[in-house]
Protein backbone atom coordinates (compact mmCIF):
# COMPACT_ATOMS: atom_id res chain seq x y z
CA MET A 1 222.88 229.13 -37.27
CA SER A 2 219.45 228.90 -38.75
CA ASP A 3 215.90 227.22 -37.50
CA LYS A 4 215.02 223.98 -39.07
CA SER A 5 211.12 224.02 -39.34
CA ILE A 6 209.22 221.28 -38.29
CA ARG A 7 205.23 220.43 -38.83
CA LEU A 8 203.91 217.45 -37.30
CA ALA A 9 200.89 215.23 -37.79
CA ARG A 10 198.10 215.21 -34.47
CA PRO A 11 195.04 213.00 -34.13
CA GLY A 12 191.95 214.74 -35.67
CA GLY A 13 193.72 215.97 -39.11
CA ALA A 14 195.42 218.73 -36.79
CA SER A 15 199.18 219.47 -36.68
CA ALA A 16 201.34 220.76 -34.45
CA ALA A 17 203.85 223.46 -35.67
CA TYR A 18 207.90 224.42 -34.39
CA ARG A 19 211.06 225.76 -35.21
CA VAL A 20 214.29 224.18 -33.13
CA ARG A 21 217.94 225.59 -33.07
CA ALA A 22 220.28 223.02 -32.00
CA ALA A 23 222.61 223.81 -29.25
CA GLY A 24 226.33 224.46 -30.48
CA SER A 25 227.41 222.09 -27.74
CA PRO A 26 224.48 220.39 -25.92
CA ASN A 27 224.94 220.68 -21.69
CA GLY A 28 221.71 220.55 -20.61
CA ALA A 29 217.62 220.46 -21.37
CA PRO A 30 216.27 222.32 -24.52
CA LEU A 31 214.12 225.94 -23.63
CA LEU A 32 210.13 225.19 -25.08
CA LEU A 33 208.78 228.48 -25.86
CA ILE A 34 205.67 229.20 -25.61
CA HIS A 35 204.22 232.69 -27.38
CA GLY A 36 201.09 234.59 -26.21
CA LEU A 37 197.78 235.40 -27.06
CA ALA A 38 196.77 235.93 -30.69
CA SER A 39 200.50 235.58 -31.34
CA ASN A 40 202.86 232.54 -33.01
CA GLY A 41 206.67 231.74 -32.49
CA SER A 42 208.42 234.59 -33.79
CA ARG A 43 207.67 236.17 -30.53
CA PHE A 44 211.18 234.28 -29.41
CA ALA A 45 212.84 234.85 -32.86
CA GLU A 46 214.90 237.92 -31.35
CA PHE A 47 215.37 235.76 -28.17
CA VAL A 48 216.63 232.66 -29.99
CA ASP A 49 218.90 234.60 -32.19
CA HIS A 50 220.48 236.76 -29.32
CA THR A 51 220.69 234.51 -26.37
CA ALA A 52 223.71 232.90 -24.82
CA LEU A 53 221.89 229.51 -23.93
CA ALA A 54 221.88 228.43 -27.69
CA ALA A 55 225.31 227.81 -26.75
CA HIS A 56 224.55 224.45 -24.76
CA HIS A 57 220.19 224.00 -25.13
CA ALA A 58 218.29 223.63 -28.23
CA LEU A 59 215.98 226.42 -28.43
CA ILE A 60 212.28 225.06 -29.24
CA ARG A 61 209.35 227.81 -30.26
CA VAL A 62 206.39 226.50 -31.11
CA ASP A 63 203.18 227.62 -33.06
CA LEU A 64 200.26 226.59 -30.73
CA ARG A 65 197.58 224.96 -32.31
CA GLY A 66 195.52 227.20 -34.17
CA HIS A 67 198.32 229.94 -34.70
CA GLY A 68 201.08 230.60 -36.88
CA ASN A 69 202.32 227.27 -39.38
CA ALA A 70 199.51 225.80 -37.83
CA MET A 71 196.83 227.43 -38.29
CA THR A 72 193.44 225.37 -38.09
CA ARG A 73 189.77 226.38 -37.26
CA ARG A 74 188.81 223.49 -35.52
CA ARG A 75 188.80 222.78 -31.48
CA ILE A 76 191.95 224.50 -29.49
CA GLY A 77 193.03 224.47 -26.04
CA ILE A 78 194.75 223.68 -23.20
CA ASP A 79 194.47 220.21 -22.97
CA LEU A 80 195.08 219.71 -26.98
CA TRP A 81 197.78 222.50 -26.76
CA CYS A 82 199.77 221.15 -23.74
CA ASP A 83 199.26 217.09 -25.60
CA ASP A 84 201.20 218.69 -28.59
CA LEU A 85 203.67 220.15 -26.59
CA ALA A 86 204.69 216.33 -25.48
CA ALA A 87 204.57 215.17 -28.73
CA VAL A 88 207.14 218.19 -29.66
CA LEU A 89 209.50 216.85 -27.33
CA ASP A 90 208.94 213.55 -28.27
CA ALA A 91 209.92 214.45 -32.22
CA GLU A 92 213.15 215.81 -30.78
CA ARG A 93 213.89 213.00 -28.56
CA THR A 94 213.77 214.64 -25.04
CA ALA A 95 212.85 213.91 -22.20
CA ALA A 96 211.95 216.98 -20.51
CA ALA A 97 212.15 220.79 -21.28
CA ILE A 98 212.81 223.96 -19.37
CA VAL A 99 209.23 225.58 -20.62
CA VAL A 100 209.14 229.30 -20.71
CA GLY A 101 205.96 231.15 -21.37
CA HIS A 102 204.68 234.27 -22.08
CA SER A 103 201.19 235.46 -20.82
CA LEU A 104 198.43 233.05 -22.52
CA GLY A 105 201.65 230.97 -23.02
CA ALA A 106 202.66 231.51 -19.42
CA GLN A 107 199.33 229.54 -18.37
CA VAL A 108 199.65 226.81 -21.27
CA ALA A 109 203.26 226.34 -19.49
CA LEU A 110 201.66 226.15 -15.78
CA HIS A 111 199.06 223.53 -17.01
CA PHE A 112 201.62 221.28 -18.93
CA ALA A 113 204.29 220.89 -15.82
CA GLN A 114 200.72 219.74 -14.13
CA ARG A 115 199.40 217.62 -16.89
CA HIS A 116 202.91 216.08 -18.14
CA PRO A 117 205.35 216.52 -15.19
CA ARG A 118 207.96 214.52 -16.04
CA ARG A 119 208.36 216.80 -19.14
CA CYS A 120 208.79 219.58 -17.59
CA ALA A 121 212.51 220.09 -15.47
CA ALA A 122 211.45 224.34 -14.60
CA LEU A 123 209.01 227.05 -15.32
CA VAL A 124 210.06 230.69 -16.50
CA LEU A 125 206.77 232.56 -16.27
CA ILE A 126 206.67 236.13 -18.17
CA ASP A 127 203.41 238.06 -16.75
CA PRO A 128 201.55 234.96 -15.55
CA VAL A 129 197.68 235.43 -15.09
CA PHE A 130 196.21 234.23 -11.76
CA ARG A 131 192.67 234.09 -11.24
CA SER A 132 192.70 234.72 -7.85
CA ALA A 133 194.39 238.13 -8.12
CA LEU A 134 192.43 239.34 -11.50
CA HIS A 135 190.32 242.48 -10.98
CA GLY A 136 188.84 245.39 -13.13
CA ARG A 137 188.24 244.45 -16.76
CA ARG A 138 190.34 241.16 -16.95
CA LEU A 139 188.30 240.14 -13.84
CA TRP A 140 185.16 240.12 -16.35
CA LEU A 141 186.74 238.54 -18.53
CA ALA A 142 187.66 235.31 -16.51
CA GLN A 143 184.34 235.39 -15.17
CA ALA A 144 182.73 235.14 -18.95
CA ALA A 145 184.98 232.38 -20.05
CA PRO A 146 181.66 230.42 -20.57
CA LEU A 147 180.48 232.52 -22.75
CA LEU A 148 183.49 232.72 -25.33
CA GLN A 149 184.03 229.24 -25.23
CA LEU A 150 180.52 229.11 -26.28
CA ALA A 151 180.94 231.61 -28.71
CA ALA A 152 184.22 230.29 -29.99
CA ARG A 153 182.13 226.91 -30.83
CA GLY A 154 179.38 228.72 -32.82
CA VAL A 155 181.87 230.47 -34.71
CA ARG A 156 183.50 226.85 -35.02
CA ALA A 157 180.02 225.44 -36.59
CA LEU A 158 180.20 228.16 -39.12
CA ASN A 159 183.62 227.63 -40.13
CA ALA A 160 182.99 223.81 -40.41
CA ILE A 161 180.16 224.75 -43.61
CA GLY A 162 182.39 227.27 -45.02
CA LEU A 163 181.65 230.36 -43.67
CA HIS A 164 184.87 231.79 -42.96
CA ARG A 165 187.21 234.80 -44.19
CA GLY A 166 189.98 233.55 -46.15
CA ALA A 167 193.63 232.97 -46.00
CA LEU A 168 195.06 235.50 -43.24
CA PRO A 169 198.35 236.88 -43.59
CA PRO A 170 201.11 235.79 -41.41
CA LEU A 171 201.87 237.68 -38.07
CA ASP A 172 205.93 238.90 -38.18
CA LEU A 173 205.75 239.74 -34.52
CA ARG A 174 209.95 240.60 -34.86
CA ALA A 175 209.33 243.54 -37.07
CA LEU A 176 206.59 244.53 -35.37
CA ASP A 177 208.59 244.52 -32.37
CA ALA A 178 210.96 246.33 -33.51
CA ALA A 179 208.89 249.01 -35.35
CA ALA A 180 207.20 249.57 -32.11
CA ARG A 181 210.84 250.40 -30.64
CA ARG A 182 212.09 253.06 -33.02
CA ALA A 183 208.24 254.78 -32.33
CA LEU A 184 208.69 254.74 -28.69
CA GLY A 185 210.03 257.67 -26.82
CA SER A 186 207.16 259.91 -25.32
CA PRO A 187 203.79 259.45 -23.74
CA GLU A 188 201.78 260.49 -26.91
CA ALA A 189 204.09 256.72 -28.56
CA GLU A 190 204.04 255.20 -25.63
CA ARG A 191 200.19 255.12 -25.69
CA ALA A 192 200.17 254.10 -29.37
CA PHE A 193 202.21 251.42 -28.70
CA ILE A 194 199.76 250.11 -25.94
CA ALA A 195 197.00 250.52 -28.48
CA GLN A 196 198.24 248.90 -31.24
CA TYR A 197 199.73 246.10 -28.98
CA SER A 198 196.34 245.40 -26.83
CA SER A 199 193.86 246.16 -30.02
CA MET A 200 191.71 243.28 -30.44
CA ARG A 201 191.40 244.66 -34.48
CA ALA A 202 194.93 243.92 -34.66
CA ASP A 203 194.92 240.82 -33.86
CA LEU A 204 191.83 239.98 -35.77
CA LYS A 205 194.05 240.82 -39.11
CA HIS A 206 196.43 237.66 -38.48
CA VAL A 207 194.20 235.10 -36.62
CA PRO A 208 190.91 233.52 -37.02
CA LEU A 209 187.94 234.39 -34.97
CA ALA A 210 187.10 230.68 -33.48
CA VAL A 211 190.76 231.10 -31.93
CA TYR A 212 191.06 234.70 -31.00
CA LEU A 213 187.72 233.84 -28.89
CA GLN A 214 189.02 230.51 -27.46
CA ASP A 215 192.22 231.97 -26.78
CA MET A 216 190.47 234.83 -24.31
CA ALA A 217 188.59 231.40 -23.02
CA GLU A 218 191.82 229.96 -22.47
CA MET A 219 193.89 233.01 -20.83
CA PHE A 220 191.47 233.06 -17.93
CA ALA A 221 191.07 229.28 -17.10
CA PRO A 222 192.00 228.71 -13.55
CA ALA A 223 195.67 227.43 -13.53
CA PRO A 224 197.57 225.88 -10.86
CA LEU A 225 200.36 227.68 -8.49
CA PRO A 226 203.66 227.25 -9.10
CA ARG A 227 204.61 225.90 -5.72
CA THR A 228 202.11 223.06 -5.94
CA LEU A 229 204.49 222.05 -9.16
CA GLY A 230 207.70 220.76 -7.35
CA VAL A 231 209.46 222.64 -10.00
CA PRO A 232 211.95 225.74 -10.06
CA VAL A 233 210.30 228.86 -11.20
CA LEU A 234 210.81 232.17 -12.37
CA ALA A 235 208.28 234.77 -13.12
CA LEU A 236 209.18 238.10 -14.77
CA LEU A 237 206.42 240.66 -14.07
CA SER A 238 205.47 243.60 -16.45
CA THR A 239 205.96 246.70 -13.04
CA GLY A 240 203.17 248.67 -15.58
CA ALA A 241 200.29 246.06 -15.80
CA THR A 242 197.00 246.41 -14.21
CA PHE A 243 195.36 243.90 -14.71
CA ALA A 244 196.31 242.40 -11.46
CA ASP A 245 196.05 242.83 -7.92
CA ALA A 246 200.10 243.27 -7.01
CA ALA A 247 199.56 241.38 -3.26
CA ALA A 248 197.28 239.08 -4.86
CA MET A 249 200.04 238.17 -7.49
CA ARG A 250 202.58 237.99 -4.94
CA ALA A 251 200.75 235.69 -3.04
CA ALA A 252 200.24 233.69 -5.87
CA LEU A 253 203.84 232.87 -6.59
CA ALA A 254 204.74 232.93 -2.90
CA GLY A 255 206.76 229.51 -2.80
CA PRO A 256 210.37 228.08 -2.23
CA LYS A 257 211.70 227.34 -5.69
CA VAL A 258 210.27 230.33 -6.74
CA THR A 259 211.79 233.46 -8.16
CA VAL A 260 210.07 236.67 -8.71
CA GLU A 261 211.86 239.26 -10.92
CA PRO A 262 210.27 243.05 -11.61
CA ILE A 263 210.75 243.77 -15.63
CA ASP A 264 209.78 247.45 -16.06
CA CYS A 265 207.83 247.80 -18.49
CA GLN A 266 203.93 247.17 -19.40
CA HIS A 267 203.20 244.14 -20.58
CA TRP A 268 205.20 243.11 -23.17
CA PRO A 269 208.82 242.67 -21.80
CA LEU A 270 209.61 241.03 -24.98
CA THR A 271 209.46 243.61 -26.84
CA GLU A 272 210.15 246.89 -24.44
CA ARG A 273 212.89 244.78 -22.45
CA PRO A 274 214.18 242.29 -24.65
CA ASN A 275 217.45 242.65 -22.91
CA GLU A 276 216.68 242.57 -19.66
CA VAL A 277 214.66 239.53 -20.53
CA ARG A 278 217.30 237.92 -22.01
CA ASN A 279 219.74 237.79 -18.96
CA ALA A 280 217.20 237.30 -16.56
CA ILE A 281 215.89 233.99 -18.13
CA GLU A 282 220.01 233.42 -18.70
CA SER A 283 221.17 233.78 -15.46
CA TRP A 284 218.20 232.17 -14.12
CA CYS A 285 218.92 229.11 -15.74
CA ALA A 286 223.09 229.21 -15.61
CA ALA A 287 222.14 228.79 -11.31
CA LEU A 288 219.27 225.65 -11.92
CA PRO A 289 221.14 222.51 -10.88
CA ARG A 290 221.94 220.37 -14.36
CA VAL A 291 218.82 219.85 -16.11
């Protein structure tokens, strides 16, 4: 089954872009799939092709403003992204969605549930970031967020007068994931994998510098805690992630409607353990009250 690609005009000359796969037999809220930092909707292409949820749920994978088919060198940020997501749901004539986000996408999902509470039926957070749990380099980056925002603003000013790189090649994360899996199998290969997937230089081949800087600032912005949002939450946490304190993460995710499941991988569950992630989301969604 093919996806329909849609581009929505948004205020200020920007656009929202997404791909939607209609449900075979609609019987539940759509899944709204949100990618991470320096990424795009192809992050969820494999999930969309293989999940059993497609039988009863429409699958909407977005390119956040500044990414993929929604490329821009103008201002971006969580407030704009959340409002773009609401516009996507309006365009699809759906009241609310099960919102699924990976990394930066999980941060956007949390803010979306707070900013547009009636549009969020449930949340799936894949490696969310809570500032209270950060340590090491990630804590330093969180504390440097105002400087990252200032730098992004300065780069956007230069872009506005025509100083920027030309067109950037698209990033096909599904193809990259397949190549990564073929390469894994030894400690050396795993180290190479981590270096490639966490490389700023590699990211900047596909996204503007201003977008990357703003992504970093938004990644570490304080996010609402799941227990304050009043919706069911599934949190999938990579066991190999070292940027957060485990006890502090458990405290941030504590709540009567929150389910936490570990995924044995680094910080890229959709790349390293796609079947495990897909099974966890499918089982959890099947147990939800009908939404």
